[in-house]
PDB file of N, CA and C in Angstrom:
ATOM      1  N   UNK A   1      15.094  17.989  -4.047  1.00  0.00           N
ATOM      2  CA  UNK A   1      13.888  17.304  -3.678  1.00  0.00           C
ATOM      3  C   UNK A   1      13.854  17.237  -2.140  1.00  0.00           C
ATOM      4  N   UNK A   2      12.677  17.574  -1.542  1.00  0.00           N
ATOM      5  CA  UNK A   2      12.661  17.504  -0.100  1.00  0.00           C
ATOM      6  C   UNK A   2      12.331  16.177   0.408  1.00  0.00           C
ATOM      7  N   UNK A   3      12.526  16.002   1.759  1.00  0.00           N
ATOM      8  CA  UNK A   3      12.355  14.616   2.308  1.00  0.00           C
ATOM      9  C   UNK A   3      10.952  14.046   2.161  1.00  0.00           C
ATOM     10  N   UNK A   4       9.923  14.940   2.210  1.00  0.00           N
ATOM     11  CA  UNK A   4       8.554  14.435   2.057  1.00  0.00           C
ATOM     12  C   UNK A   4       8.357  13.797   0.666  1.00  0.00           C
ATOM     13  N   UNK A   5       8.930  14.407  -0.414  1.00  0.00           N
ATOM     14  CA  UNK A   5       8.742  13.800  -1.682  1.00  0.00           C
ATOM     15  C   UNK A   5       9.524  12.478  -1.716  1.00  0.00           C
ATOM     16  N   UNK A   6      10.669  12.412  -1.166  1.00  0.00           N
ATOM     17  CA  UNK A   6      11.428  11.153  -1.140  1.00  0.00           C
ATOM     18  C   UNK A   6      10.617  10.085  -0.436  1.00  0.00           C
ATOM     19  N   UNK A   7      10.030  10.446   0.686  1.00  0.00           N
ATOM     20  CA  UNK A   7       9.259   9.469   1.500  1.00  0.00           C
ATOM     21  C   UNK A   7       8.044   8.988   0.681  1.00  0.00           C
ATOM     22  N   UNK A   8       7.445   9.924  -0.128  1.00  0.00           N
ATOM     23  CA  UNK A   8       6.304   9.526  -0.918  1.00  0.00           C
ATOM     24  C   UNK A   8       6.691   8.367  -1.861  1.00  0.00           C
ATOM     25  N   UNK A   9       7.819   8.504  -2.528  1.00  0.00           N
ATOM     26  CA  UNK A   9       8.255   7.426  -3.440  1.00  0.00           C
ATOM     27  C   UNK A   9       8.619   6.114  -2.653  1.00  0.00           C
ATOM     28  N   UNK A  10       9.158   6.283  -1.461  1.00  0.00           N
ATOM     29  CA  UNK A  10       9.525   5.131  -0.667  1.00  0.00           C
ATOM     30  C   UNK A  10       8.198   4.384  -0.321  1.00  0.00           C
ATOM     31  N   UNK A  11       7.175   5.145   0.234  1.00  0.00           N
ATOM     32  CA  UNK A  11       5.873   4.529   0.648  1.00  0.00           C
ATOM     33  C   UNK A  11       5.146   3.953  -0.624  1.00  0.00           C
ATOM     34  N   UNK A  12       5.142   4.639  -1.690  1.00  0.00           N
ATOM     35  CA  UNK A  12       4.524   4.144  -2.934  1.00  0.00           C
ATOM     36  C   UNK A  12       5.227   2.804  -3.312  1.00  0.00           C
ATOM     37  N   UNK A  13       6.520   2.812  -3.294  1.00  0.00           N
ATOM     38  CA  UNK A  13       7.266   1.592  -3.636  1.00  0.00           C
ATOM     39  C   UNK A  13       6.948   0.419  -2.709  1.00  0.00           C
ATOM     40  N   UNK A  14       6.773   0.732  -1.398  1.00  0.00           N
ATOM     41  CA  UNK A  14       6.367  -0.308  -0.449  1.00  0.00           C
ATOM     42  C   UNK A  14       5.045  -0.872  -0.695  1.00  0.00           C
ATOM     43  N   UNK A  15       4.098   0.010  -1.094  1.00  0.00           N
ATOM     44  CA  UNK A  15       2.761  -0.434  -1.399  1.00  0.00           C
ATOM     45  C   UNK A  15       2.752  -1.349  -2.668  1.00  0.00           C
ATOM     46  N   UNK A  16       3.546  -0.947  -3.639  1.00  0.00           N
ATOM     47  CA  UNK A  16       3.609  -1.760  -4.850  1.00  0.00           C
ATOM     48  C   UNK A  16       4.225  -3.089  -4.497  1.00  0.00           C
ATOM     49  N   UNK A  17       5.288  -3.164  -3.707  1.00  0.00           N
ATOM     50  CA  UNK A  17       5.853  -4.430  -3.306  1.00  0.00           C
ATOM     51  C   UNK A  17       4.864  -5.302  -2.568  1.00  0.00           C
ATOM     52  N   UNK A  18       4.174  -4.723  -1.571  1.00  0.00           N
ATOM     53  CA  UNK A  18       3.156  -5.458  -0.760  1.00  0.00           C
ATOM     54  C   UNK A  18       2.069  -6.015  -1.699  1.00  0.00           C
ATOM     55  N   UNK A  19       1.586  -5.226  -2.577  1.00  0.00           N
ATOM     56  CA  UNK A  19       0.522  -5.677  -3.501  1.00  0.00           C
ATOM     57  C   UNK A  19       1.097  -6.810  -4.361  1.00  0.00           C
ATOM     58  N   UNK A  20       2.281  -6.683  -4.849  1.00  0.00           N
ATOM     59  CA  UNK A  20       2.873  -7.725  -5.749  1.00  0.00           C
ATOM     60  C   UNK A  20       3.097  -9.004  -4.949  1.00  0.00           C
ATOM     61  N   UNK A  21       3.560  -8.892  -3.755  1.00  0.00           N
ATOM     62  CA  UNK A  21       3.802 -10.092  -2.918  1.00  0.00           C
ATOM     63  C   UNK A  21       2.520 -10.802  -2.528  1.00  0.00           C
ATOM     64  N   UNK A  22       1.501 -10.025  -2.191  1.00  0.00           N
ATOM     65  CA  UNK A  22       0.222 -10.661  -1.790  1.00  0.00           C
ATOM     66  C   UNK A  22      -0.389 -11.446  -2.965  1.00  0.00           C
ATOM     67  N   UNK A  23       0.005 -11.092  -4.167  1.00  0.00           N
ATOM     68  CA  UNK A  23      -0.434 -11.816  -5.382  1.00  0.00           C
ATOM     69  C   UNK A  23       0.519 -12.845  -5.837  1.00  0.00           C
ATOM     70  N   UNK A  24       1.575 -13.019  -5.129  1.00  0.00           N
ATOM     71  CA  UNK A  24       2.616 -14.053  -5.414  1.00  0.00           C
ATOM     72  C   UNK A  24       3.196 -13.828  -6.815  1.00  0.00           C
ATOM     73  N   UNK A  25       3.465 -12.534  -7.149  1.00  0.00           N
ATOM     74  CA  UNK A  25       4.037 -12.119  -8.410  1.00  0.00           C
ATOM     75  C   UNK A  25       5.487 -11.741  -8.152  1.00  0.00           C
ATOM     76  N   UNK A  26       6.350 -12.258  -9.014  1.00  0.00           N
ATOM     77  CA  UNK A  26       7.776 -11.910  -8.889  1.00  0.00           C
ATOM     78  C   UNK A  26       8.040 -10.569  -9.506  1.00  0.00           C
ATOM     79  N   UNK A  27       9.153 -10.006  -9.159  1.00  0.00           N
ATOM     80  CA  UNK A  27       9.620  -8.754  -9.788  1.00  0.00           C
ATOM     81  C   UNK A  27       9.822  -8.987 -11.279  1.00  0.00           C
ATOM     82  N   UNK A  28      10.294 -10.087 -11.625  1.00  0.00           N
ATOM     83  CA  UNK A  28      10.550 -10.415 -13.004  1.00  0.00           C
ATOM     84  C   UNK A  28       9.267 -10.423 -13.808  1.00  0.00           C
ATOM     85  N   UNK A  29       8.225 -11.053 -13.263  1.00  0.00           N
ATOM     86  CA  UNK A  29       6.939 -11.115 -13.945  1.00  0.00           C
ATOM     87  C   UNK A  29       6.371  -9.710 -14.091  1.00  0.00           C
ATOM     88  N   UNK A  30       6.405  -8.940 -13.018  1.00  0.00           N
ATOM     89  CA  UNK A  30       5.862  -7.617 -13.032  1.00  0.00           C
ATOM     90  C   UNK A  30       6.605  -6.724 -14.079  1.00  0.00           C
ATOM     91  N   UNK A  31       7.931  -6.819 -14.070  1.00  0.00           N
ATOM     92  CA  UNK A  31       8.728  -6.083 -15.028  1.00  0.00           C
ATOM     93  C   UNK A  31       8.347  -6.430 -16.461  1.00  0.00           C
ATOM     94  N   UNK A  32       8.092  -7.727 -16.694  1.00  0.00           N
ATOM     95  CA  UNK A  32       7.693  -8.188 -18.070  1.00  0.00           C
ATOM     96  C   UNK A  32       6.353  -7.574 -18.412  1.00  0.00           C
ATOM     97  N   UNK A  33       5.387  -7.551 -17.505  1.00  0.00           N
ATOM     98  CA  UNK A  33       4.082  -7.063 -17.726  1.00  0.00           C
ATOM     99  C   UNK A  33       4.121  -5.490 -18.037  1.00  0.00           C
ATOM    100  N   UNK A  34       5.046  -4.822 -17.333  1.00  0.00           N
ATOM    101  CA  UNK A  34       5.097  -3.359 -17.430  1.00  0.00           C
ATOM    102  C   UNK A  34       6.062  -2.929 -18.548  1.00  0.00           C
ATOM    103  N   UNK A  35       6.824  -3.898 -19.061  1.00  0.00           N
ATOM    104  CA  UNK A  35       7.755  -3.614 -20.123  1.00  0.00           C
ATOM    105  C   UNK A  35       8.920  -2.719 -19.658  1.00  0.00           C
ATOM    106  N   UNK A  36       9.417  -3.039 -18.453  1.00  0.00           N
ATOM    107  CA  UNK A  36      10.617  -2.421 -17.977  1.00  0.00           C
ATOM    108  C   UNK A  36      11.536  -3.553 -17.404  1.00  0.00           C
ATOM    109  N   UNK A  37      12.750  -3.148 -17.015  1.00  0.00           N
ATOM    110  CA  UNK A  37      13.706  -4.115 -16.468  1.00  0.00           C
ATOM    111  C   UNK A  37      13.369  -4.487 -15.005  1.00  0.00           C
ATOM    112  N   UNK A  38      13.822  -5.667 -14.607  1.00  0.00           N
ATOM    113  CA  UNK A  38      13.648  -6.093 -13.202  1.00  0.00           C
ATOM    114  C   UNK A  38      14.358  -5.153 -12.255  1.00  0.00           C
ATOM    115  N   UNK A  39      15.444  -4.638 -12.607  1.00  0.00           N
ATOM    116  CA  UNK A  39      16.150  -3.644 -11.741  1.00  0.00           C
ATOM    117  C   UNK A  39      15.385  -2.400 -11.573  1.00  0.00           C
ATOM    118  N   UNK A  40      14.644  -1.945 -12.643  1.00  0.00           N
ATOM    119  CA  UNK A  40      13.790  -0.779 -12.504  1.00  0.00           C
ATOM    120  C   UNK A  40      12.668  -1.019 -11.486  1.00  0.00           C
ATOM    121  N   UNK A  41      12.080  -2.193 -11.566  1.00  0.00           N
ATOM    122  CA  UNK A  41      11.034  -2.516 -10.613  1.00  0.00           C
ATOM    123  C   UNK A  41      11.562  -2.534  -9.201  1.00  0.00           C
ATOM    124  N   UNK A  42      12.721  -3.100  -9.007  1.00  0.00           N
ATOM    125  CA  UNK A  42      13.382  -3.169  -7.704  1.00  0.00           C
ATOM    126  C   UNK A  42      13.616  -1.754  -7.172  1.00  0.00           C
ATOM    127  N   UNK A  43      14.123  -0.856  -8.062  1.00  0.00           N
ATOM    128  CA  UNK A  43      14.394   0.496  -7.665  1.00  0.00           C
ATOM    129  C   UNK A  43      13.102   1.254  -7.345  1.00  0.00           C
ATOM    130  N   UNK A  44      12.049   1.028  -8.077  1.00  0.00           N
ATOM    131  CA  UNK A  44      10.738   1.620  -7.800  1.00  0.00           C
ATOM    132  C   UNK A  44      10.262   1.163  -6.404  1.00  0.00           C
ATOM    133  N   UNK A  45      10.329  -0.140  -6.131  1.00  0.00           N
ATOM    134  CA  UNK A  45       9.889  -0.693  -4.855  1.00  0.00           C
ATOM    135  C   UNK A  45      10.680  -0.182  -3.625  1.00  0.00           C
ATOM    136  N   UNK A  46      11.903   0.186  -3.879  1.00  0.00           N
ATOM    137  CA  UNK A  46      12.749   0.756  -2.737  1.00  0.00           C
ATOM    138  C   UNK A  46      12.638   2.266  -2.678  1.00  0.00           C
ATOM    139  N   UNK A  47      11.969   2.905  -3.667  1.00  0.00           N
ATOM    140  CA  UNK A  47      11.899   4.342  -3.683  1.00  0.00           C
ATOM    141  C   UNK A  47      13.156   4.976  -4.237  1.00  0.00           C
ATOM    142  N   UNK A  48      14.048   4.179  -4.745  1.00  0.00           N
ATOM    143  CA  UNK A  48      15.277   4.737  -5.298  1.00  0.00           C
ATOM    144  C   UNK A  48      15.075   5.446  -6.656  1.00  0.00           C
ATOM    145  N   UNK A  49      14.069   5.029  -7.395  1.00  0.00           N
ATOM    146  CA  UNK A  49      13.756   5.568  -8.658  1.00  0.00           C
ATOM    147  C   UNK A  49      12.327   6.137  -8.658  1.00  0.00           C
ATOM    148  N   UNK A  50      12.183   7.301  -9.287  1.00  0.00           N
ATOM    149  CA  UNK A  50      10.849   7.862  -9.482  1.00  0.00           C
ATOM    150  C   UNK A  50      10.217   7.155 -10.709  1.00  0.00           C
ATOM    151  N   UNK A  51       8.919   6.968 -10.651  1.00  0.00           N
ATOM    152  CA  UNK A  51       8.302   6.314 -11.835  1.00  0.00           C
ATOM    153  C   UNK A  51       7.412   7.289 -12.519  1.00  0.00           C
ATOM    154  N   UNK A  52       7.316   7.131 -13.842  1.00  0.00           N
ATOM    155  CA  UNK A  52       6.469   7.993 -14.665  1.00  0.00           C
ATOM    156  C   UNK A  52       5.029   7.610 -14.400  1.00  0.00           C
ATOM    157  N   UNK A  53       4.116   8.488 -14.811  1.00  0.00           N
ATOM    158  CA  UNK A  53       2.725   8.144 -14.706  1.00  0.00           C
ATOM    159  C   UNK A  53       2.380   6.977 -15.583  1.00  0.00           C
ATOM    160  N   UNK A  54       2.998   6.902 -16.786  1.00  0.00           N
ATOM    161  CA  UNK A  54       2.716   5.784 -17.666  1.00  0.00           C
ATOM    162  C   UNK A  54       3.101   4.471 -17.017  1.00  0.00           C
ATOM    163  N   UNK A  55       4.253   4.446 -16.362  1.00  0.00           N
ATOM    164  CA  UNK A  55       4.690   3.226 -15.645  1.00  0.00           C
ATOM    165  C   UNK A  55       3.828   2.906 -14.492  1.00  0.00           C
ATOM    166  N   UNK A  56       3.450   3.971 -13.746  1.00  0.00           N
ATOM    167  CA  UNK A  56       2.553   3.790 -12.585  1.00  0.00           C
ATOM    168  C   UNK A  56       1.275   3.111 -13.023  1.00  0.00           C
ATOM    169  N   UNK A  57       0.665   3.596 -14.107  1.00  0.00           N
ATOM    170  CA  UNK A  57      -0.634   3.034 -14.629  1.00  0.00           C
ATOM    171  C   UNK A  57      -0.419   1.605 -15.049  1.00  0.00           C
ATOM    172  N   UNK A  58       0.716   1.336 -15.754  1.00  0.00           N
ATOM    173  CA  UNK A  58       0.998  -0.065 -16.123  1.00  0.00           C
ATOM    174  C   UNK A  58       1.104  -0.959 -14.922  1.00  0.00           C
ATOM    175  N   UNK A  59       1.795  -0.473 -13.893  1.00  0.00           N
ATOM    176  CA  UNK A  59       1.909  -1.278 -12.677  1.00  0.00           C
ATOM    177  C   UNK A  59       0.578  -1.575 -12.071  1.00  0.00           C
ATOM    178  N   UNK A  60      -0.230  -0.533 -11.892  1.00  0.00           N
ATOM    179  CA  UNK A  60      -1.593  -0.660 -11.333  1.00  0.00           C
ATOM    180  C   UNK A  60      -2.398  -1.712 -12.129  1.00  0.00           C
ATOM    181  N   UNK A  61      -2.338  -1.631 -13.434  1.00  0.00           N
ATOM    182  CA  UNK A  61      -3.072  -2.569 -14.320  1.00  0.00           C
ATOM    183  C   UNK A  61      -2.492  -3.994 -14.147  1.00  0.00           C
ATOM    184  N   UNK A  62      -1.164  -4.134 -14.085  1.00  0.00           N
ATOM    185  CA  UNK A  62      -0.551  -5.370 -13.974  1.00  0.00           C
ATOM    186  C   UNK A  62      -0.879  -6.074 -12.621  1.00  0.00           C
ATOM    187  N   UNK A  63      -1.038  -5.245 -11.555  1.00  0.00           N
ATOM    188  CA  UNK A  63      -1.355  -5.751 -10.243  1.00  0.00           C
ATOM    189  C   UNK A  63      -2.894  -5.828 -10.022  1.00  0.00           C
ATOM    190  N   UNK A  64      -3.599  -5.440 -11.078  1.00  0.00           N
ATOM    191  CA  UNK A  64      -5.054  -5.499 -11.056  1.00  0.00           C
ATOM    192  C   UNK A  64      -5.651  -4.793  -9.819  1.00  0.00           C
ATOM    193  N   UNK A  65      -5.160  -3.526  -9.662  1.00  0.00           N
ATOM    194  CA  UNK A  65      -5.605  -2.751  -8.521  1.00  0.00           C
ATOM    195  C   UNK A  65      -5.783  -1.254  -8.996  1.00  0.00           C
ATOM    196  N   UNK A  66      -6.475  -0.518  -8.196  1.00  0.00           N
ATOM    197  CA  UNK A  66      -6.695   0.836  -8.548  1.00  0.00           C
ATOM    198  C   UNK A  66      -5.540   1.726  -8.094  1.00  0.00           C
ATOM    199  N   UNK A  67      -5.499   2.869  -8.691  1.00  0.00           N
ATOM    200  CA  UNK A  67      -4.421   3.855  -8.291  1.00  0.00           C
ATOM    201  C   UNK A  67      -4.625   4.201  -6.830  1.00  0.00           C
ATOM    202  N   UNK A  68      -5.913   4.323  -6.372  1.00  0.00           N
ATOM    203  CA  UNK A  68      -6.217   4.648  -4.961  1.00  0.00           C
ATOM    204  C   UNK A  68      -5.557   3.635  -4.020  1.00  0.00           C
ATOM    205  N   UNK A  69      -5.551   2.419  -4.398  1.00  0.00           N
ATOM    206  CA  UNK A  69      -4.945   1.406  -3.522  1.00  0.00           C
ATOM    207  C   UNK A  69      -3.450   1.633  -3.275  1.00  0.00           C
ATOM    208  N   UNK A  70      -2.835   2.128  -4.372  1.00  0.00           N
ATOM    209  CA  UNK A  70      -1.408   2.346  -4.305  1.00  0.00           C
ATOM    210  C   UNK A  70      -1.083   3.707  -3.685  1.00  0.00           C
ATOM    211  N   UNK A  71      -1.999   4.638  -3.827  1.00  0.00           N
ATOM    212  CA  UNK A  71      -1.723   6.024  -3.403  1.00  0.00           C
ATOM    213  C   UNK A  71      -2.485   6.418  -2.132  1.00  0.00           C
ATOM    214  N   UNK A  72      -3.154   5.454  -1.497  1.00  0.00           N
ATOM    215  CA  UNK A  72      -4.029   5.842  -0.362  1.00  0.00           C
ATOM    216  C   UNK A  72      -3.278   6.464   0.780  1.00  0.00           C
ATOM    217  N   UNK A  73      -2.008   6.369   0.891  1.00  0.00           N
ATOM    218  CA  UNK A  73      -1.248   7.066   1.945  1.00  0.00           C
ATOM    219  C   UNK A  73      -1.216   8.557   1.721  1.00  0.00           C
ATOM    220  N   UNK A  74      -1.547   9.003   0.519  1.00  0.00           N
ATOM    221  CA  UNK A  74      -1.450  10.423   0.105  1.00  0.00           C
ATOM    222  C   UNK A  74      -2.772  11.057  -0.263  1.00  0.00           C
ATOM    223  N   UNK A  75      -3.828  10.231  -0.448  1.00  0.00           N
ATOM    224  CA  UNK A  75      -5.089  10.763  -0.884  1.00  0.00           C
ATOM    225  C   UNK A  75      -5.969  11.042   0.319  1.00  0.00           C
ATOM    226  N   UNK A  76      -6.533  12.231   0.413  1.00  0.00           N
ATOM    227  CA  UNK A  76      -7.315  12.636   1.493  1.00  0.00           C
ATOM    228  C   UNK A  76      -8.506  11.718   1.728  1.00  0.00           C
ATOM    229  N   UNK A  77      -9.183  11.354   0.721  1.00  0.00           N
ATOM    230  CA  UNK A  77     -10.331  10.462   0.763  1.00  0.00           C
ATOM    231  C   UNK A  77      -9.915   9.036   0.465  1.00  0.00           C
ATOM    232  N   UNK A  78      -9.436   8.376   1.491  1.00  0.00           N
ATOM    233  CA  UNK A  78      -8.862   7.059   1.306  1.00  0.00           C
ATOM    234  C   UNK A  78      -9.402   6.012   2.287  1.00  0.00           C
ATOM    235  N   UNK A  79     -10.408   6.452   3.089  1.00  0.00           N
ATOM    236  CA  UNK A  79     -10.899   5.538   4.067  1.00  0.00           C
ATOM    237  C   UNK A  79     -11.468   4.237   3.517  1.00  0.00           C
ATOM    238  N   UNK A  80     -12.050   4.336   2.370  1.00  0.00           N
ATOM    239  CA  UNK A  80     -12.608   3.126   1.691  1.00  0.00           C
ATOM    240  C   UNK A  80     -11.480   2.100   1.478  1.00  0.00           C
ATOM    241  N   UNK A  81     -10.345   2.541   1.035  1.00  0.00           N
ATOM    242  CA  UNK A  81      -9.190   1.566   0.803  1.00  0.00           C
ATOM    243  C   UNK A  81      -8.769   0.960   2.100  1.00  0.00           C
ATOM    244  N   UNK A  82      -8.623   1.771   3.155  1.00  0.00           N
ATOM    245  CA  UNK A  82      -8.163   1.259   4.423  1.00  0.00           C
ATOM    246  C   UNK A  82      -9.182   0.273   5.052  1.00  0.00           C
ATOM    247  N   UNK A  83     -10.427   0.626   4.904  1.00  0.00           N
ATOM    248  CA  UNK A  83     -11.489  -0.281   5.486  1.00  0.00           C
ATOM    249  C   UNK A  83     -11.463  -1.591   4.782  1.00  0.00           C
ATOM    250  N   UNK A  84     -11.304  -1.605   3.411  1.00  0.00           N
ATOM    251  CA  UNK A  84     -11.183  -2.834   2.670  1.00  0.00           C
ATOM    252  C   UNK A  84      -9.962  -3.670   3.068  1.00  0.00           C
ATOM    253  N   UNK A  85      -8.826  -2.950   3.261  1.00  0.00           N
ATOM    254  CA  UNK A  85      -7.600  -3.649   3.728  1.00  0.00           C
ATOM    255  C   UNK A  85      -7.762  -4.223   5.108  1.00  0.00           C
ATOM    256  N   UNK A  86      -8.453  -3.533   5.985  1.00  0.00           N
ATOM    257  CA  UNK A  86      -8.766  -4.074   7.286  1.00  0.00           C
ATOM    258  C   UNK A  86      -9.574  -5.420   7.183  1.00  0.00           C
ATOM    259  N   UNK A  87     -10.567  -5.315   6.386  1.00  0.00           N
ATOM    260  CA  UNK A  87     -11.384  -6.526   6.127  1.00  0.00           C
ATOM    261  C   UNK A  87     -10.546  -7.706   5.638  1.00  0.00           C
ATOM    262  N   UNK A  88      -9.663  -7.436   4.734  1.00  0.00           N
ATOM    263  CA  UNK A  88      -8.821  -8.470   4.159  1.00  0.00           C
ATOM    264  C   UNK A  88      -7.853  -9.032   5.254  1.00  0.00           C
ATOM    265  N   UNK A  89      -7.363  -8.154   6.057  1.00  0.00           N
ATOM    266  CA  UNK A  89      -6.492  -8.615   7.150  1.00  0.00           C
ATOM    267  C   UNK A  89      -7.211  -9.504   8.114  1.00  0.00           C
ATOM    268  N   UNK A  90      -8.474  -9.212   8.414  1.00  0.00           N
ATOM    269  CA  UNK A  90      -9.281  -9.929   9.400  1.00  0.00           C
ATOM    270  C   UNK A  90      -9.883 -11.205   8.825  1.00  0.00           C
ATOM    271  N   UNK A  91      -9.881 -11.443   7.526  1.00  0.00           N
ATOM    272  CA  UNK A  91     -10.548 -12.561   6.902  1.00  0.00           C
ATOM    273  C   UNK A  91     -10.113 -13.897   7.491  1.00  0.00           C
ATOM    274  N   UNK A  92      -8.891 -14.142   7.673  1.00  0.00           N
ATOM    275  CA  UNK A  92      -8.344 -15.405   8.151  1.00  0.00           C
ATOM    276  C   UNK A  92      -8.045 -15.422   9.652  1.00  0.00           C
ATOM    277  N   UNK A  93      -8.591 -14.479  10.413  1.00  0.00           N
ATOM    278  CA  UNK A  93      -8.347 -14.414  11.847  1.00  0.00           C
ATOM    279  C   UNK A  93      -9.376 -15.228  12.590  1.00  0.00           C
ATOM    280  N   UNK A  94      -8.935 -15.839  13.709  1.00  0.00           N
ATOM    281  CA  UNK A  94      -9.835 -16.550  14.598  1.00  0.00           C
ATOM    282  C   UNK A  94     -10.719 -15.580  15.367  1.00  0.00           C
ATOM    283  N   UNK A  95     -11.734 -16.031  16.010  1.00  0.00           N
ATOM    284  CA  UNK A  95     -12.568 -15.182  16.866  1.00  0.00           C
ATOM    285  C   UNK A  95     -11.735 -14.481  17.911  1.00  0.00           C
ATOM    286  N   UNK A  96     -10.833 -15.192  18.510  1.00  0.00           N
ATOM    287  CA  UNK A  96      -9.963 -14.688  19.582  1.00  0.00           C
ATOM    288  C   UNK A  96      -9.099 -13.520  19.007  1.00  0.00           C
ATOM    289  N   UNK A  97      -8.543 -13.727  17.792  1.00  0.00           N
ATOM    290  CA  UNK A  97      -7.712 -12.720  17.207  1.00  0.00           C
ATOM    291  C   UNK A  97      -8.530 -11.478  16.814  1.00  0.00           C
ATOM    292  N   UNK A  98      -9.707 -11.662  16.317  1.00  0.00           N
ATOM    293  CA  UNK A  98     -10.578 -10.538  15.970  1.00  0.00           C
ATOM    294  C   UNK A  98     -10.899  -9.708  17.195  1.00  0.00           C
ATOM    295  N   UNK A  99     -11.251 -10.397  18.282  1.00  0.00           N
ATOM    296  CA  UNK A  99     -11.559  -9.670  19.589  1.00  0.00           C
ATOM    297  C   UNK A  99     -10.387  -8.851  20.016  1.00  0.00           C
ATOM    298  N   UNK A 100      -9.154  -9.481  19.945  1.00  0.00           N
ATOM    299  CA  UNK A 100      -7.962  -8.825  20.331  1.00  0.00           C
ATOM    300  C   UNK A 100      -7.675  -7.548  19.502  1.00  0.00           C
ATOM    301  N   UNK A 101      -7.791  -7.694  18.242  1.00  0.00           N
ATOM    302  CA  UNK A 101      -7.628  -6.571  17.357  1.00  0.00           C
ATOM    303  C   UNK A 101      -8.693  -5.468  17.589  1.00  0.00           C
ATOM    304  N   UNK A 102      -9.937  -5.926  17.796  1.00  0.00           N
ATOM    305  CA  UNK A 102     -11.003  -4.971  18.102  1.00  0.00           C
ATOM    306  C   UNK A 102     -10.678  -4.159  19.348  1.00  0.00           C
ATOM    307  N   UNK A 103     -10.243  -4.875  20.414  1.00  0.00           N
ATOM    308  CA  UNK A 103      -9.904  -4.107  21.653  1.00  0.00           C
ATOM    309  C   UNK A 103      -8.776  -3.115  21.456  1.00  0.00           C
ATOM    310  N   UNK A 104      -7.789  -3.498  20.643  1.00  0.00           N
ATOM    311  CA  UNK A 104      -6.706  -2.533  20.384  1.00  0.00           C
ATOM    312  C   UNK A 104      -7.220  -1.321  19.666  1.00  0.00           C
ATOM    313  N   UNK A 105      -8.028  -1.582  18.595  1.00  0.00           N
ATOM    314  CA  UNK A 105      -8.563  -0.447  17.794  1.00  0.00           C
ATOM    315  C   UNK A 105      -9.477   0.415  18.627  1.00  0.00           C
ATOM    316  N   UNK A 106     -10.349  -0.141  19.477  1.00  0.00           N
ATOM    317  CA  UNK A 106     -11.228   0.565  20.316  1.00  0.00           C
ATOM    318  C   UNK A 106     -10.445   1.426  21.264  1.00  0.00           C
ATOM    319  N   UNK A 107      -9.463   0.830  21.895  1.00  0.00           N
ATOM    320  CA  UNK A 107      -8.664   1.627  22.918  1.00  0.00           C
ATOM    321  C   UNK A 107      -7.909   2.800  22.233  1.00  0.00           C
ATOM    322  N   UNK A 108      -7.446   2.474  21.066  1.00  0.00           N
ATOM    323  CA  UNK A 108      -6.688   3.472  20.316  1.00  0.00           C
ATOM    324  C   UNK A 108      -7.592   4.666  19.893  1.00  0.00           C
ATOM    325  N   UNK A 109      -8.812   4.318  19.450  1.00  0.00           N
ATOM    326  CA  UNK A 109      -9.776   5.376  19.050  1.00  0.00           C
ATOM    327  C   UNK A 109     -10.202   6.166  20.259  1.00  0.00           C
ATOM    328  N   UNK A 110     -10.410   5.506  21.414  1.00  0.00           N
ATOM    329  CA  UNK A 110     -10.785   6.204  22.642  1.00  0.00           C
ATOM    330  C   UNK A 110      -9.690   7.224  22.975  1.00  0.00           C
ATOM    331  N   UNK A 111      -8.454   6.811  22.859  1.00  0.00           N
ATOM    332  CA  UNK A 111      -7.350   7.718  23.239  1.00  0.00           C
ATOM    333  C   UNK A 111      -7.301   8.837  22.213  1.00  0.00           C
ATOM    334  N   UNK A 112      -7.416   8.566  20.971  1.00  0.00           N
ATOM    335  CA  UNK A 112      -7.372   9.585  19.916  1.00  0.00           C
ATOM    336  C   UNK A 112      -8.516  10.617  20.130  1.00  0.00           C
ATOM    337  N   UNK A 113      -9.656  10.222  20.462  1.00  0.00           N
ATOM    338  CA  UNK A 113     -10.796  11.088  20.695  1.00  0.00           C
ATOM    339  C   UNK A 113     -10.604  11.887  21.937  1.00  0.00           C
ATOM    340  N   UNK A 114     -10.045  11.322  22.963  1.00  0.00           N
ATOM    341  CA  UNK A 114      -9.787  11.996  24.225  1.00  0.00           C
ATOM    342  C   UNK A 114      -8.734  13.082  24.039  1.00  0.00           C
ATOM    343  N   UNK A 115      -7.749  12.820  23.192  1.00  0.00           N
ATOM    344  CA  UNK A 115      -6.656  13.815  22.991  1.00  0.00           C
ATOM    345  C   UNK A 115      -6.912  14.711  21.836  1.00  0.00           C
ATOM    346  N   UNK A 116      -8.019  14.547  21.128  1.00  0.00           N
ATOM    347  CA  UNK A 116      -8.400  15.399  19.943  1.00  0.00           C
ATOM    348  C   UNK A 116      -7.366  15.342  18.870  1.00  0.00           C
ATOM    349  N   UNK A 117      -6.885  14.136  18.562  1.00  0.00           N
ATOM    350  CA  UNK A 117      -5.850  14.046  17.431  1.00  0.00           C
ATOM    351  C   UNK A 117      -6.486  14.032  16.053  1.00  0.00           C
ATOM    352  N   UNK A 118      -7.769  13.764  16.010  1.00  0.00           N
ATOM    353  CA  UNK A 118      -8.316  13.546  14.667  1.00  0.00           C
ATOM    354  C   UNK A 118      -8.767  14.791  13.979  1.00  0.00           C
TER     355      UNK A 118
END
C-alpha cells in the first residue's frame, strides 16, 4: 500500500472522529450503533484499520451525515461541504472574529490568485 492510500485512511478516520466529537458521541456508542467493537472504531479513527464499505455506510448513518461529508478531502466536487463547514465554524463567532477570519481568507485568496495556485 502506498503512502497516499495510508493517508486517505488517516484523514477519513480524523473526519469520523471530528464528526463524532462534535455530536458528543462516544466511541462506545458509535461502536454499538455500527455493531463493531470499540477498539475497531478507535483503529478506524486513527487510520490503523481499513474499513469496509458496509461499515463506512453504517458509520455515516450513525453520525447522521452524508458520505460526502466524510470523504470531502478526496472528492473533486466538495466545495459545498467545505462552505457548509465554514458557516458552522463562523456561527458562534463575534463580529470581530468574523472580520479577522475574513481578512485572513481574503489575503490568502489574493496570494493564491497572484501565484496561480488554483
